[in-house]
């Protein structure tokens, strides 16, 4: 599987170690930056580029997922979720990593590098990669509704105010 990784300065050490772990596990890793420590770097472009690459790969039929890191993981998740077709989930334990895939078919996870040890992070990512989407009808229906809103600004028949401006 191809794994796209992005971070900010807070997750740079984890990113470097994780890339080797993923390669050792047989995955192809694409690093979207940064490549050197800069305490003032801005994560949005790094995370958006990783998310765009996940969407492109998946559209081309390539198995791909993404992992983004930051101090808390919150901003990085928000950045990744700005990309159409991305379902990025903030994970903080193995259960949330598995559920992100099983219930939400998440294609990116975000992790707070300042919140966890490297061994914890590694276990979250391994669990995320290994867990398949359940395909249960209720989960597929909800994902379809999210995609519909993303594409049209509404969810037909679900009470979304079609008159509201999309931000």
N, C-alpha and C. Protein backbone atom coordinates (compact mmCIF):
# COMPACT_ATOMS: atom_id res chain seq x y z
N UNK A 1 0.85 -1.17 0.00
CA UNK A 1 0.00 0.00 0.00
C UNK A 1 0.90 1.23 0.00
N UNK A 2 0.42 2.29 -0.64
CA UNK A 2 1.14 3.56 -0.63
C UNK A 2 0.59 4.41 0.53
N UNK A 3 1.50 4.93 1.34
CA UNK A 3 1.13 5.75 2.48
C UNK A 3 1.72 7.14 2.28
N UNK A 4 0.86 8.14 2.27
CA UNK A 4 1.27 9.53 2.14
C UNK A 4 1.35 10.14 3.54
N UNK A 5 2.47 10.79 3.83
CA UNK A 5 2.72 11.33 5.16
C UNK A 5 3.02 12.82 5.07
N UNK A 6 2.48 13.57 6.03
CA UNK A 6 2.79 14.99 6.16
C UNK A 6 2.76 15.35 7.63
N UNK A 7 3.44 16.41 7.98
CA UNK A 7 3.53 16.81 9.37
C UNK A 7 3.82 18.30 9.46
N UNK A 8 4.04 18.75 10.65
CA UNK A 8 4.65 20.04 10.89
C UNK A 8 5.88 19.77 11.74
N UNK A 9 6.48 20.80 12.27
CA UNK A 9 7.71 20.62 13.06
C UNK A 9 7.49 19.70 14.27
N UNK A 10 6.30 19.73 14.86
CA UNK A 10 6.04 18.93 16.06
C UNK A 10 6.07 17.44 15.78
N UNK A 11 5.75 17.03 14.57
CA UNK A 11 5.71 15.62 14.24
C UNK A 11 6.86 15.12 13.39
N UNK A 12 7.85 15.98 13.14
CA UNK A 12 8.91 15.62 12.22
C UNK A 12 9.69 14.38 12.65
N UNK A 13 10.05 14.29 13.92
CA UNK A 13 10.80 13.11 14.39
C UNK A 13 9.96 11.84 14.23
N UNK A 14 8.68 11.90 14.60
CA UNK A 14 7.80 10.74 14.44
C UNK A 14 7.69 10.35 12.97
N UNK A 15 7.54 11.35 12.12
CA UNK A 15 7.39 11.10 10.70
C UNK A 15 8.59 10.34 10.14
N UNK A 16 9.76 10.77 10.51
CA UNK A 16 10.99 10.13 10.02
C UNK A 16 11.07 8.68 10.49
N UNK A 17 10.83 8.45 11.77
CA UNK A 17 10.86 7.08 12.31
C UNK A 17 9.76 6.22 11.70
N UNK A 18 8.58 6.80 11.57
CA UNK A 18 7.45 6.06 11.06
C UNK A 18 7.66 5.63 9.61
N UNK A 19 8.25 6.50 8.82
CA UNK A 19 8.49 6.15 7.42
C UNK A 19 9.32 4.87 7.32
N UNK A 20 10.33 4.75 8.15
CA UNK A 20 11.15 3.54 8.12
C UNK A 20 10.34 2.32 8.57
N UNK A 21 9.55 2.48 9.61
CA UNK A 21 8.70 1.38 10.08
C UNK A 21 7.76 0.92 8.97
N UNK A 22 7.15 1.86 8.26
CA UNK A 22 6.21 1.50 7.20
C UNK A 22 6.92 0.83 6.03
N UNK A 23 8.09 1.32 5.68
CA UNK A 23 8.86 0.68 4.61
C UNK A 23 9.24 -0.75 5.01
N UNK A 24 9.67 -0.90 6.26
CA UNK A 24 10.03 -2.24 6.76
C UNK A 24 8.83 -3.17 6.75
N UNK A 25 7.62 -2.62 6.82
CA UNK A 25 6.39 -3.41 6.79
C UNK A 25 5.90 -3.66 5.36
N UNK A 26 6.66 -3.18 4.38
CA UNK A 26 6.33 -3.45 2.98
C UNK A 26 5.53 -2.38 2.27
N UNK A 27 5.35 -1.23 2.89
CA UNK A 27 4.58 -0.15 2.27
C UNK A 27 5.49 0.81 1.51
N UNK A 28 4.92 1.42 0.50
CA UNK A 28 5.59 2.50 -0.20
C UNK A 28 5.22 3.80 0.52
N UNK A 29 6.20 4.60 0.88
CA UNK A 29 5.94 5.83 1.64
C UNK A 29 6.30 7.04 0.80
N UNK A 30 5.38 8.01 0.78
CA UNK A 30 5.63 9.28 0.10
C UNK A 30 5.57 10.37 1.16
N UNK A 31 6.66 11.09 1.32
CA UNK A 31 6.78 12.16 2.32
C UNK A 31 6.44 13.49 1.68
N UNK A 32 5.44 14.17 2.22
CA UNK A 32 5.01 15.46 1.69
C UNK A 32 5.53 16.63 2.51
N UNK A 33 6.44 16.35 3.41
CA UNK A 33 7.13 17.41 4.14
C UNK A 33 6.61 17.64 5.53
N UNK A 34 7.39 18.46 6.20
CA UNK A 34 8.61 19.14 5.79
C UNK A 34 9.81 18.19 5.83
N UNK A 35 10.92 18.64 5.26
CA UNK A 35 12.12 17.81 5.23
C UNK A 35 13.14 18.23 6.27
N UNK A 36 12.94 19.40 6.86
CA UNK A 36 13.83 19.85 7.93
C UNK A 36 13.03 20.61 8.98
N UNK A 37 13.59 20.67 10.17
CA UNK A 37 12.90 21.30 11.29
C UNK A 37 12.86 22.82 11.12
N UNK A 38 11.68 23.38 11.27
CA UNK A 38 11.46 24.83 11.27
C UNK A 38 10.29 25.06 12.23
N UNK A 39 10.60 25.63 13.39
CA UNK A 39 9.58 25.83 14.42
C UNK A 39 8.44 26.74 13.96
N UNK A 40 8.64 27.46 12.88
CA UNK A 40 7.62 28.38 12.39
C UNK A 40 6.94 27.89 11.12
N UNK A 41 7.14 26.61 10.77
CA UNK A 41 6.54 26.13 9.54
C UNK A 41 5.02 26.14 9.63
N UNK A 42 4.38 26.05 8.48
CA UNK A 42 2.93 26.03 8.37
C UNK A 42 2.50 24.68 7.79
N UNK A 43 1.68 23.95 8.55
CA UNK A 43 1.29 22.60 8.16
C UNK A 43 0.26 22.51 7.05
N UNK A 44 -0.60 23.52 6.80
CA UNK A 44 -1.68 23.28 5.84
C UNK A 44 -1.24 22.76 4.48
N UNK A 45 -0.23 23.36 3.86
CA UNK A 45 0.17 22.90 2.52
C UNK A 45 0.69 21.47 2.55
N UNK A 46 1.47 21.12 3.57
CA UNK A 46 1.99 19.76 3.67
C UNK A 46 0.83 18.76 3.74
N UNK A 47 -0.13 19.04 4.62
CA UNK A 47 -1.25 18.11 4.83
C UNK A 47 -2.18 18.07 3.62
N UNK A 48 -2.43 19.21 3.03
CA UNK A 48 -3.28 19.25 1.84
C UNK A 48 -2.63 18.50 0.69
N UNK A 49 -1.32 18.65 0.52
CA UNK A 49 -0.63 17.91 -0.55
C UNK A 49 -0.71 16.41 -0.32
N UNK A 50 -0.56 15.96 0.91
CA UNK A 50 -0.69 14.53 1.20
C UNK A 50 -2.11 14.05 0.89
N UNK A 51 -3.10 14.83 1.30
CA UNK A 51 -4.50 14.46 1.06
C UNK A 51 -4.81 14.43 -0.44
N UNK A 52 -4.33 15.42 -1.17
CA UNK A 52 -4.54 15.42 -2.63
C UNK A 52 -3.94 14.17 -3.27
N UNK A 53 -2.78 13.77 -2.80
CA UNK A 53 -2.12 12.58 -3.35
C UNK A 53 -2.92 11.32 -3.04
N UNK A 54 -3.51 11.24 -1.85
CA UNK A 54 -4.35 10.09 -1.51
C UNK A 54 -5.54 10.02 -2.48
N UNK A 55 -6.20 11.15 -2.69
CA UNK A 55 -7.36 11.18 -3.59
C UNK A 55 -6.95 10.79 -5.00
N UNK A 56 -5.84 11.33 -5.50
CA UNK A 56 -5.37 11.00 -6.85
C UNK A 56 -5.07 9.50 -6.97
N UNK A 57 -4.35 8.97 -5.99
CA UNK A 57 -4.02 7.54 -6.03
C UNK A 57 -5.28 6.68 -6.00
N UNK A 58 -6.19 6.99 -5.10
CA UNK A 58 -7.40 6.18 -5.00
C UNK A 58 -8.22 6.27 -6.29
N UNK A 59 -8.29 7.45 -6.89
CA UNK A 59 -9.03 7.60 -8.15
C UNK A 59 -8.38 6.80 -9.27
N UNK A 60 -7.06 6.61 -9.19
CA UNK A 60 -6.33 5.84 -10.20
C UNK A 60 -6.33 4.34 -9.90
N UNK A 61 -6.98 3.94 -8.81
CA UNK A 61 -7.04 2.53 -8.46
C UNK A 61 -5.87 2.03 -7.64
N UNK A 62 -5.06 2.95 -7.13
CA UNK A 62 -3.92 2.58 -6.29
C UNK A 62 -4.36 2.58 -4.84
N UNK A 63 -4.06 1.51 -4.12
CA UNK A 63 -4.36 1.47 -2.69
C UNK A 63 -3.49 2.50 -1.99
N UNK A 64 -4.13 3.46 -1.34
CA UNK A 64 -3.38 4.53 -0.68
C UNK A 64 -4.16 5.05 0.52
N UNK A 65 -3.40 5.42 1.54
CA UNK A 65 -3.94 6.07 2.72
C UNK A 65 -2.98 7.19 3.11
N UNK A 66 -3.42 8.04 4.03
CA UNK A 66 -2.57 9.13 4.48
C UNK A 66 -2.50 9.21 6.00
N UNK A 67 -1.38 9.75 6.46
CA UNK A 67 -1.16 10.00 7.88
C UNK A 67 -0.60 11.41 8.00
N UNK A 68 -1.25 12.23 8.83
CA UNK A 68 -0.75 13.58 9.07
C UNK A 68 -0.55 13.76 10.58
N UNK A 69 0.50 14.51 10.91
CA UNK A 69 0.89 14.74 12.30
C UNK A 69 0.97 16.21 12.61
N UNK A 70 0.73 16.54 13.84
CA UNK A 70 1.00 17.87 14.37
C UNK A 70 1.11 17.75 15.87
N UNK A 71 1.21 18.86 16.55
CA UNK A 71 1.28 18.81 18.00
C UNK A 71 0.08 18.12 18.60
N UNK A 72 -1.12 18.55 18.19
CA UNK A 72 -2.35 17.92 18.66
C UNK A 72 -3.01 17.07 17.60
N UNK A 73 -2.73 17.33 16.35
CA UNK A 73 -3.37 16.65 15.24
C UNK A 73 -4.64 17.33 14.76
N UNK A 74 -5.15 18.28 15.52
CA UNK A 74 -6.40 18.93 15.16
C UNK A 74 -6.31 19.74 13.87
N UNK A 75 -5.37 20.65 13.80
CA UNK A 75 -5.23 21.49 12.61
C UNK A 75 -4.93 20.68 11.37
N UNK A 76 -4.12 19.65 11.54
CA UNK A 76 -3.75 18.80 10.40
C UNK A 76 -4.95 18.04 9.88
N UNK A 77 -5.81 17.59 10.78
CA UNK A 77 -7.04 16.92 10.35
C UNK A 77 -7.93 17.90 9.60
N UNK A 78 -8.06 19.10 10.12
CA UNK A 78 -8.89 20.11 9.45
C UNK A 78 -8.35 20.39 8.06
N UNK A 79 -7.04 20.55 7.94
CA UNK A 79 -6.43 20.83 6.63
C UNK A 79 -6.72 19.70 5.65
N UNK A 80 -6.49 18.47 6.07
CA UNK A 80 -6.72 17.33 5.18
C UNK A 80 -8.19 17.25 4.75
N UNK A 81 -9.09 17.55 5.67
CA UNK A 81 -10.52 17.46 5.36
C UNK A 81 -11.01 18.55 4.41
N UNK A 82 -10.19 19.51 4.09
CA UNK A 82 -10.55 20.53 3.09
C UNK A 82 -10.47 19.99 1.67
N UNK A 83 -9.84 18.84 1.51
CA UNK A 83 -9.69 18.24 0.19
C UNK A 83 -10.89 17.36 -0.12
N UNK A 84 -11.53 17.62 -1.24
CA UNK A 84 -12.71 16.85 -1.64
C UNK A 84 -12.34 15.38 -1.76
N UNK A 85 -13.12 14.54 -1.11
CA UNK A 85 -12.90 13.10 -1.16
C UNK A 85 -12.11 12.55 0.02
N UNK A 86 -11.64 13.44 0.88
CA UNK A 86 -10.90 13.00 2.05
C UNK A 86 -11.84 12.87 3.23
N UNK A 87 -11.65 11.80 3.97
CA UNK A 87 -12.31 11.58 5.24
C UNK A 87 -11.21 11.36 6.26
N UNK A 88 -10.77 12.46 6.87
CA UNK A 88 -9.66 12.40 7.83
C UNK A 88 -10.23 12.34 9.24
N UNK A 89 -9.68 11.44 10.04
CA UNK A 89 -10.14 11.23 11.41
C UNK A 89 -8.97 11.46 12.37
N UNK A 90 -9.25 12.16 13.45
CA UNK A 90 -8.29 12.32 14.52
C UNK A 90 -8.33 11.06 15.37
N UNK A 91 -7.19 10.42 15.54
CA UNK A 91 -7.16 9.19 16.34
C UNK A 91 -6.27 9.38 17.55
N UNK A 92 -6.66 8.72 18.64
CA UNK A 92 -5.90 8.85 19.88
C UNK A 92 -5.69 7.51 20.57
N UNK A 93 -6.18 6.44 19.97
CA UNK A 93 -5.92 5.10 20.48
C UNK A 93 -6.20 4.10 19.35
N UNK A 94 -5.92 2.84 19.60
CA UNK A 94 -6.13 1.83 18.56
C UNK A 94 -7.59 1.70 18.17
N UNK A 95 -8.48 1.85 19.14
CA UNK A 95 -9.90 1.72 18.86
C UNK A 95 -10.38 2.80 17.89
N UNK A 96 -9.98 4.05 18.12
CA UNK A 96 -10.42 5.11 17.20
C UNK A 96 -9.78 4.94 15.84
N UNK A 97 -8.58 4.39 15.79
CA UNK A 97 -7.92 4.14 14.50
C UNK A 97 -8.69 3.08 13.71
N UNK A 98 -9.09 2.01 14.38
CA UNK A 98 -9.84 0.94 13.72
C UNK A 98 -11.22 1.42 13.30
N UNK A 99 -11.90 2.14 14.19
CA UNK A 99 -13.25 2.62 13.87
C UNK A 99 -13.25 3.63 12.73
N UNK A 100 -12.17 4.40 12.62
CA UNK A 100 -12.06 5.36 11.51
C UNK A 100 -12.17 4.64 10.17
N UNK A 101 -11.55 3.47 10.08
CA UNK A 101 -11.61 2.68 8.84
C UNK A 101 -12.91 1.88 8.77
N UNK A 102 -13.22 1.16 9.86
CA UNK A 102 -14.35 0.23 9.85
C UNK A 102 -15.68 0.93 9.60
N UNK A 103 -15.92 2.04 10.26
CA UNK A 103 -17.22 2.73 10.17
C UNK A 103 -17.23 3.89 9.19
N UNK A 104 -16.10 4.59 9.05
CA UNK A 104 -16.09 5.83 8.27
C UNK A 104 -15.29 5.73 6.98
N UNK A 105 -14.68 4.59 6.74
CA UNK A 105 -13.81 4.41 5.58
C UNK A 105 -12.85 5.59 5.45
N UNK A 106 -12.31 6.03 6.59
CA UNK A 106 -11.36 7.14 6.59
C UNK A 106 -10.18 6.78 5.71
N UNK A 107 -9.71 7.76 4.95
CA UNK A 107 -8.55 7.51 4.12
C UNK A 107 -7.32 8.29 4.59
N UNK A 108 -7.50 9.08 5.63
CA UNK A 108 -6.40 9.79 6.28
C UNK A 108 -6.65 9.76 7.79
N UNK A 109 -5.59 9.59 8.55
CA UNK A 109 -5.70 9.79 9.99
C UNK A 109 -4.75 10.89 10.41
N UNK A 110 -5.13 11.55 11.46
CA UNK A 110 -4.33 12.62 12.05
C UNK A 110 -4.02 12.23 13.48
N UNK A 111 -2.77 12.50 13.87
CA UNK A 111 -2.32 12.11 15.20
C UNK A 111 -1.56 13.27 15.84
N UNK A 112 -1.80 13.49 17.12
CA UNK A 112 -1.07 14.49 17.88
C UNK A 112 0.26 13.92 18.35
N UNK A 113 1.33 14.37 17.74
CA UNK A 113 2.66 13.84 18.07
C UNK A 113 3.08 14.17 19.49
N UNK A 114 2.57 15.26 20.03
CA UNK A 114 2.92 15.63 21.40
C UNK A 114 2.04 14.94 22.43
N UNK A 115 1.13 14.12 21.96
CA UNK A 115 0.18 13.46 22.84
C UNK A 115 0.51 11.99 23.10
N UNK A 116 1.43 11.43 22.30
CA UNK A 116 1.64 9.98 22.32
C UNK A 116 3.11 9.63 22.16
N UNK A 117 3.46 8.42 22.62
CA UNK A 117 4.80 7.89 22.39
C UNK A 117 4.88 7.36 20.96
N UNK A 118 6.10 7.15 20.48
CA UNK A 118 6.26 6.60 19.14
C UNK A 118 5.62 5.22 19.03
N UNK A 119 5.78 4.38 20.04
CA UNK A 119 5.18 3.04 20.00
C UNK A 119 3.66 3.11 19.91
N UNK A 120 3.06 4.06 20.62
CA UNK A 120 1.61 4.23 20.51
C UNK A 120 1.22 4.64 19.09
N UNK A 121 1.92 5.63 18.57
CA UNK A 121 1.63 6.13 17.22
C UNK A 121 1.75 5.00 16.20
N UNK A 122 2.80 4.23 16.31
CA UNK A 122 3.02 3.10 15.40
C UNK A 122 1.85 2.12 15.49
N UNK A 123 1.39 1.83 16.69
CA UNK A 123 0.27 0.88 16.84
C UNK A 123 -1.02 1.46 16.26
N UNK A 124 -1.25 2.77 16.40
CA UNK A 124 -2.45 3.39 15.83
C UNK A 124 -2.43 3.25 14.31
N UNK A 125 -1.28 3.55 13.72
CA UNK A 125 -1.18 3.54 12.26
C UNK A 125 -1.27 2.11 11.73
N UNK A 126 -0.62 1.18 12.38
CA UNK A 126 -0.72 -0.21 11.95
C UNK A 126 -2.16 -0.71 12.03
N UNK A 127 -2.87 -0.33 13.09
CA UNK A 127 -4.28 -0.73 13.23
C UNK A 127 -5.13 -0.10 12.14
N UNK A 128 -4.89 1.16 11.84
CA UNK A 128 -5.63 1.88 10.80
C UNK A 128 -5.43 1.21 9.44
N UNK A 129 -4.20 0.91 9.10
CA UNK A 129 -3.89 0.32 7.80
C UNK A 129 -4.50 -1.08 7.68
N UNK A 130 -4.46 -1.84 8.76
CA UNK A 130 -4.92 -3.23 8.72
C UNK A 130 -6.44 -3.38 8.70
N UNK A 131 -7.15 -2.39 9.22
CA UNK A 131 -8.61 -2.51 9.37
C UNK A 131 -9.33 -2.19 8.06
N UNK A 132 -10.14 -3.10 7.56
CA UNK A 132 -10.91 -2.79 6.34
C UNK A 132 -12.19 -2.03 6.68
N UNK A 133 -12.74 -1.37 5.70
CA UNK A 133 -14.06 -0.77 5.82
C UNK A 133 -15.06 -1.91 5.90
N UNK A 134 -16.02 -1.81 6.82
CA UNK A 134 -16.98 -2.90 7.03
C UNK A 134 -17.92 -3.07 5.84
N UNK A 135 -18.22 -1.96 5.15
CA UNK A 135 -19.17 -2.03 4.05
C UNK A 135 -20.61 -2.11 4.50
N UNK A 136 -20.85 -2.07 5.82
CA UNK A 136 -22.22 -2.11 6.32
C UNK A 136 -23.05 -1.01 5.66
N UNK A 137 -24.28 -1.34 5.35
CA UNK A 137 -25.16 -0.41 4.62
C UNK A 137 -25.27 0.93 5.32
N UNK A 138 -25.44 0.95 6.63
CA UNK A 138 -25.62 2.23 7.33
C UNK A 138 -24.38 3.10 7.23
N UNK A 139 -23.20 2.48 7.28
CA UNK A 139 -21.97 3.26 7.17
C UNK A 139 -21.78 3.76 5.74
N UNK A 140 -22.04 2.91 4.77
CA UNK A 140 -21.93 3.31 3.37
C UNK A 140 -22.92 4.43 3.05
N UNK A 141 -24.13 4.34 3.60
CA UNK A 141 -25.15 5.38 3.37
C UNK A 141 -24.67 6.73 3.91
N UNK A 142 -24.09 6.72 5.09
CA UNK A 142 -23.62 7.97 5.71
C UNK A 142 -22.45 8.57 4.93
N UNK A 143 -21.56 7.73 4.48
CA UNK A 143 -20.43 8.21 3.68
C UNK A 143 -20.93 8.82 2.38
N UNK A 144 -21.93 8.18 1.79
CA UNK A 144 -22.53 8.71 0.56
C UNK A 144 -23.17 10.07 0.82
N UNK A 145 -23.80 10.24 1.96
CA UNK A 145 -24.41 11.53 2.30
C UNK A 145 -23.33 12.62 2.44
N UNK A 146 -22.23 12.27 3.07
CA UNK A 146 -21.14 13.25 3.19
C UNK A 146 -20.60 13.64 1.83
N UNK A 147 -20.43 12.67 0.95
CA UNK A 147 -19.94 12.95 -0.40
C UNK A 147 -20.95 13.80 -1.17
N UNK A 148 -22.23 13.53 -0.97
CA UNK A 148 -23.26 14.32 -1.64
C UNK A 148 -23.19 15.78 -1.18
N UNK A 149 -23.06 15.99 0.11
CA UNK A 149 -22.97 17.36 0.62
C UNK A 149 -21.71 18.03 0.09
N UNK A 150 -20.62 17.31 0.09
CA UNK A 150 -19.36 17.87 -0.38
C UNK A 150 -19.48 18.32 -1.85
N UNK A 151 -20.20 17.56 -2.66
CA UNK A 151 -20.34 17.86 -4.08
C UNK A 151 -21.42 18.88 -4.38
N UNK A 152 -22.51 18.88 -3.58
CA UNK A 152 -23.67 19.70 -3.95
C UNK A 152 -24.07 20.76 -2.94
N UNK A 153 -23.60 20.63 -1.71
CA UNK A 153 -24.00 21.58 -0.67
C UNK A 153 -25.29 21.21 0.02
N UNK A 154 -25.80 20.03 -0.25
CA UNK A 154 -27.02 19.58 0.40
C UNK A 154 -26.99 18.06 0.52
N UNK A 155 -27.91 17.55 1.34
CA UNK A 155 -28.17 16.12 1.41
C UNK A 155 -29.67 15.99 1.19
N UNK A 156 -30.05 15.54 0.02
CA UNK A 156 -31.47 15.50 -0.36
C UNK A 156 -32.25 14.67 0.64
N UNK A 157 -33.35 15.27 1.12
CA UNK A 157 -34.25 14.57 2.02
C UNK A 157 -33.77 14.45 3.45
N UNK A 158 -32.68 15.13 3.78
CA UNK A 158 -32.13 14.99 5.14
C UNK A 158 -32.17 16.29 5.93
N UNK A 159 -32.90 17.28 5.44
CA UNK A 159 -33.10 18.50 6.21
C UNK A 159 -31.92 19.45 6.23
N UNK A 160 -31.01 19.32 5.30
CA UNK A 160 -29.91 20.27 5.19
C UNK A 160 -30.46 21.49 4.47
N UNK A 161 -30.25 22.66 5.02
CA UNK A 161 -30.78 23.90 4.46
C UNK A 161 -30.05 24.25 3.17
N UNK A 162 -30.68 23.97 2.06
CA UNK A 162 -30.07 24.20 0.77
C UNK A 162 -29.83 25.67 0.49
N UNK A 163 -30.51 26.56 1.22
CA UNK A 163 -30.35 28.00 0.99
C UNK A 163 -29.10 28.56 1.66
N UNK A 164 -28.52 27.81 2.55
CA UNK A 164 -27.33 28.29 3.26
C UNK A 164 -26.16 28.41 2.30
N UNK A 165 -25.38 29.44 2.50
CA UNK A 165 -24.14 29.61 1.72
C UNK A 165 -23.14 28.57 2.19
N UNK A 166 -22.45 27.98 1.24
CA UNK A 166 -21.33 27.09 1.59
C UNK A 166 -20.12 27.96 1.81
N UNK A 167 -19.41 27.67 2.87
CA UNK A 167 -18.20 28.45 3.17
C UNK A 167 -17.08 28.09 2.26
